[in-house]
Amino acid sequence: MSSRPVTIVIAAALEALIGLAAGVGGLYSFVTAVSGDAADVTSAIPLAVLGLGVGALLVHVARALWQMRDWARTPVFVTQIFLAVVAYYMFTSEQYVLGAVLAVVAVAASAAVLSPPTTAALFPDESER
């Protein structure tokens, strides 16, 4: 049996989901730019590169957390802070369902990555003190 706590599984899965969503957004932007459907191709291409790059980076961080690399905890938490800000602006623009989904994901992933079982698994030497 693995010594990986369920909180790490949850946090890594949510981080990977966010990364996949960013990648899909970047891919969508690329497809619309190439097909000519984008309103402004000069901004769609950099947006596509950014979306694909961020998506790849977040999936890499999720994989590192899954492998129980202690450094992955910080970027996972920072991602959730950014996601909470986006959720706030979804609420202010009256997109309540999307804002609620983003807020729930941000809170759940933050709670999972900051929970005591995650801390004990990622930093075993410090929990013995």
C-alpha atoms as a PDB file:
ATOM      1  CA  MET A   1       0.000   0.000   0.000  1.00  0.00           C
ATOM      2  CA  SER A   2       1.171   3.524  -0.787  1.00  0.00           C
ATOM      3  CA  SER A   3       2.099   5.988   1.923  1.00  0.00           C
ATOM      4  CA  ARG A   4       0.501   8.749  -0.138  1.00  0.00           C
ATOM      5  CA  PRO A   5      -2.335  10.370   1.842  1.00  0.00           C
ATOM      6  CA  VAL A   6      -5.680  10.976   0.164  1.00  0.00           C
ATOM      7  CA  THR A   7      -5.177  14.725   0.580  1.00  0.00           C
ATOM      8  CA  ILE A   8      -2.194  14.603  -1.793  1.00  0.00           C
ATOM      9  CA  VAL A   9      -4.262  12.614  -4.282  1.00  0.00           C
ATOM     10  CA  ILE A  10      -7.040  15.225  -4.117  1.00  0.00           C
ATOM     11  CA  ALA A  11      -4.680  18.202  -4.411  1.00  0.00           C
ATOM     12  CA  ALA A  12      -2.733  16.646  -7.296  1.00  0.00           C
ATOM     13  CA  ALA A  13      -5.926  15.710  -9.138  1.00  0.00           C
ATOM     14  CA  LEU A  14      -7.391  19.198  -8.784  1.00  0.00           C
ATOM     15  CA  GLU A  15      -4.117  20.815  -9.873  1.00  0.00           C
ATOM     16  CA  ALA A  16      -3.976  18.524 -12.909  1.00  0.00           C
ATOM     17  CA  LEU A  17      -7.591  19.414 -13.712  1.00  0.00           C
ATOM     18  CA  ILE A  18      -6.757  23.122 -13.601  1.00  0.00           C
ATOM     19  CA  GLY A  19      -3.727  22.515 -15.811  1.00  0.00           C
ATOM     20  CA  LEU A  20      -5.784  20.556 -18.308  1.00  0.00           C
ATOM     21  CA  ALA A  21      -8.391  23.328 -18.377  1.00  0.00           C
ATOM     22  CA  ALA A  22      -5.685  25.916 -19.084  1.00  0.00           C
ATOM     23  CA  GLY A  23      -4.258  23.709 -21.820  1.00  0.00           C
ATOM     24  CA  VAL A  24      -7.669  23.221 -23.412  1.00  0.00           C
ATOM     25  CA  GLY A  25      -8.205  26.982 -23.334  1.00  0.00           C
ATOM     26  CA  GLY A  26      -4.851  27.524 -25.018  1.00  0.00           C
ATOM     27  CA  LEU A  27      -5.624  24.878 -27.614  1.00  0.00           C
ATOM     28  CA  TYR A  28      -9.015  26.466 -28.298  1.00  0.00           C
ATOM     29  CA  SER A  29      -7.365  29.858 -28.764  1.00  0.00           C
ATOM     30  CA  PHE A  30      -4.841  28.321 -31.162  1.00  0.00           C
ATOM     31  CA  VAL A  31      -7.527  26.577 -33.204  1.00  0.00           C
ATOM     32  CA  THR A  32      -9.612  29.750 -33.499  1.00  0.00           C
ATOM     33  CA  ALA A  33      -6.528  31.711 -34.580  1.00  0.00           C
ATOM     34  CA  VAL A  34      -5.518  29.161 -37.214  1.00  0.00           C
ATOM     35  CA  SER A  35      -9.052  28.719 -38.546  1.00  0.00           C
ATOM     36  CA  GLY A  36      -9.570  32.476 -38.832  1.00  0.00           C
ATOM     37  CA  ASP A  37     -12.390  32.607 -36.285  1.00  0.00           C
ATOM     38  CA  ALA A  38     -10.418  34.708 -33.784  1.00  0.00           C
ATOM     39  CA  ALA A  39     -11.368  38.370 -33.560  1.00  0.00           C
ATOM     40  CA  ASP A  40      -7.688  39.330 -33.280  1.00  0.00           C
ATOM     41  CA  VAL A  41      -5.100  36.789 -34.421  1.00  0.00           C
ATOM     42  CA  THR A  42      -2.199  38.854 -33.070  1.00  0.00           C
ATOM     43  CA  SER A  43      -3.480  38.384 -29.525  1.00  0.00           C
ATOM     44  CA  ALA A  44      -4.898  34.867 -30.005  1.00  0.00           C
ATOM     45  CA  ILE A  45      -1.515  33.298 -30.799  1.00  0.00           C
ATOM     46  CA  PRO A  46       0.273  34.611 -27.659  1.00  0.00           C
ATOM     47  CA  LEU A  47      -2.789  33.667 -25.605  1.00  0.00           C
ATOM     48  CA  ALA A  48      -2.611  30.149 -27.037  1.00  0.00           C
ATOM     49  CA  VAL A  49       1.096  29.877 -26.214  1.00  0.00           C
ATOM     50  CA  LEU A  50       0.442  31.163 -22.694  1.00  0.00           C
ATOM     51  CA  GLY A  51      -2.473  28.781 -22.132  1.00  0.00           C
ATOM     52  CA  LEU A  52      -0.565  25.754 -23.400  1.00  0.00           C
ATOM     53  CA  GLY A  53       2.549  26.711 -21.424  1.00  0.00           C
ATOM     54  CA  VAL A  54       0.674  27.310 -18.182  1.00  0.00           C
ATOM     55  CA  GLY A  55      -1.286  24.107 -18.686  1.00  0.00           C
ATOM     56  CA  ALA A  56       1.907  22.094 -19.157  1.00  0.00           C
ATOM     57  CA  LEU A  57       3.510  23.733 -16.127  1.00  0.00           C
ATOM     58  CA  LEU A  58       0.517  23.041 -13.878  1.00  0.00           C
ATOM     59  CA  VAL A  59       0.322  19.408 -14.986  1.00  0.00           C
ATOM     60  CA  HIS A  60       4.059  19.114 -14.231  1.00  0.00           C
ATOM     61  CA  VAL A  61       3.470  20.552 -10.748  1.00  0.00           C
ATOM     62  CA  ALA A  62       0.549  18.163 -10.185  1.00  0.00           C
ATOM     63  CA  ARG A  63       2.749  15.235 -11.208  1.00  0.00           C
ATOM     64  CA  ALA A  64       5.479  16.405  -8.838  1.00  0.00           C
ATOM     65  CA  LEU A  65       2.983  16.607  -5.978  1.00  0.00           C
ATOM     66  CA  TRP A  66       1.751  13.115  -6.866  1.00  0.00           C
ATOM     67  CA  GLN A  67       5.384  11.964  -6.628  1.00  0.00           C
ATOM     68  CA  MET A  68       5.494  13.643  -3.208  1.00  0.00           C
ATOM     69  CA  ARG A  69       8.105  16.253  -4.077  1.00  0.00           C
ATOM     70  CA  ASP A  70       8.034  18.813  -1.275  1.00  0.00           C
ATOM     71  CA  TRP A  71       8.698  21.788  -3.559  1.00  0.00           C
ATOM     72  CA  ALA A  72       5.382  21.222  -5.397  1.00  0.00           C
ATOM     73  CA  ARG A  73       3.290  22.345  -2.442  1.00  0.00           C
ATOM     74  CA  THR A  74       3.986  26.055  -2.917  1.00  0.00           C
ATOM     75  CA  PRO A  75       3.080  26.320  -6.626  1.00  0.00           C
ATOM     76  CA  VAL A  76      -0.096  24.323  -5.990  1.00  0.00           C
ATOM     77  CA  PHE A  77      -1.145  26.769  -3.285  1.00  0.00           C
ATOM     78  CA  VAL A  78      -0.207  29.823  -5.374  1.00  0.00           C
ATOM     79  CA  THR A  79      -2.331  28.424  -8.218  1.00  0.00           C
ATOM     80  CA  GLN A  80      -5.303  28.287  -5.852  1.00  0.00           C
ATOM     81  CA  ILE A  81      -4.800  31.919  -4.847  1.00  0.00           C
ATOM     82  CA  PHE A  82      -4.925  32.936  -8.516  1.00  0.00           C
ATOM     83  CA  LEU A  83      -7.958  30.719  -9.042  1.00  0.00           C
ATOM     84  CA  ALA A  84      -9.739  32.355  -6.095  1.00  0.00           C
ATOM     85  CA  VAL A  85      -9.100  35.791  -7.633  1.00  0.00           C
ATOM     86  CA  VAL A  86     -10.557  34.610 -10.951  1.00  0.00           C
ATOM     87  CA  ALA A  87     -13.551  33.175  -9.066  1.00  0.00           C
ATOM     88  CA  TYR A  88     -14.103  36.546  -7.393  1.00  0.00           C
ATOM     89  CA  TYR A  89     -14.193  38.303 -10.736  1.00  0.00           C
ATOM     90  CA  MET A  90     -16.570  35.690 -12.099  1.00  0.00           C
ATOM     91  CA  PHE A  91     -18.939  36.590  -9.249  1.00  0.00           C
ATOM     92  CA  THR A  92     -18.587  40.323  -9.906  1.00  0.00           C
ATOM     93  CA  SER A  93     -19.423  39.761 -13.584  1.00  0.00           C
ATOM     94  CA  GLU A  94     -22.561  37.825 -12.567  1.00  0.00           C
ATOM     95  CA  GLN A  95     -21.223  34.458 -13.731  1.00  0.00           C
ATOM     96  CA  TYR A  96     -22.223  32.832 -10.463  1.00  0.00           C
ATOM     97  CA  VAL A  97     -22.066  29.158 -11.413  1.00  0.00           C
ATOM     98  CA  LEU A  98     -18.575  29.373 -12.898  1.00  0.00           C
ATOM     99  CA  GLY A  99     -17.421  31.510  -9.983  1.00  0.00           C
ATOM    100  CA  ALA A 100     -18.797  29.009  -7.478  1.00  0.00           C
ATOM    101  CA  VAL A 101     -17.131  26.071  -9.236  1.00  0.00           C
ATOM    102  CA  LEU A 102     -13.773  27.866  -9.316  1.00  0.00           C
ATOM    103  CA  ALA A 103     -14.102  28.909  -5.668  1.00  0.00           C
ATOM    104  CA  VAL A 104     -14.947  25.369  -4.546  1.00  0.00           C
ATOM    105  CA  VAL A 105     -11.976  23.955  -6.455  1.00  0.00           C
ATOM    106  CA  ALA A 106      -9.653  26.609  -5.003  1.00  0.00           C
ATOM    107  CA  VAL A 107     -10.814  26.016  -1.430  1.00  0.00           C
ATOM    108  CA  ALA A 108     -10.741  22.217  -1.745  1.00  0.00           C
ATOM    109  CA  ALA A 109      -7.269  22.127  -3.282  1.00  0.00           C
ATOM    110  CA  SER A 110      -5.941  24.639  -0.740  1.00  0.00           C
ATOM    111  CA  ALA A 111      -7.365  22.661   2.155  1.00  0.00           C
ATOM    112  CA  ALA A 112      -5.942  19.428   0.752  1.00  0.00           C
ATOM    113  CA  VAL A 113      -2.462  20.769   0.110  1.00  0.00           C
ATOM    114  CA  LEU A 114      -2.234  22.545   3.482  1.00  0.00           C
ATOM    115  CA  SER A 115      -3.739  19.721   5.547  1.00  0.00           C
ATOM    116  CA  PRO A 116      -1.722  18.015   8.291  1.00  0.00           C
ATOM    117  CA  PRO A 117      -1.519  14.638   6.460  1.00  0.00           C
ATOM    118  CA  THR A 118      -0.032  16.377   3.416  1.00  0.00           C
ATOM    119  CA  THR A 119       2.437  18.273   5.574  1.00  0.00           C
ATOM    120  CA  ALA A 120       3.471  15.103   7.384  1.00  0.00           C
ATOM    121  CA  ALA A 121       3.943  13.200   4.117  1.00  0.00           C
ATOM    122  CA  LEU A 122       5.897  15.935   2.328  1.00  0.00           C
ATOM    123  CA  PHE A 123       7.996  17.018   5.299  1.00  0.00           C
ATOM    124  CA  PRO A 124       8.468  13.897   7.464  1.00  0.00           C
ATOM    125  CA  ASP A 125      11.505  15.215   9.346  1.00  0.00           C
ATOM    126  CA  GLU A 126       9.736  18.351  10.490  1.00  0.00           C
ATOM    127  CA  SER A 127       6.692  16.509  11.857  1.00  0.00           C
ATOM    128  CA  GLU A 128       8.881  14.527  14.273  1.00  0.00           C
ATOM    129  CA  ARG A 129       9.980  17.651  16.144  1.00  0.00           C
END
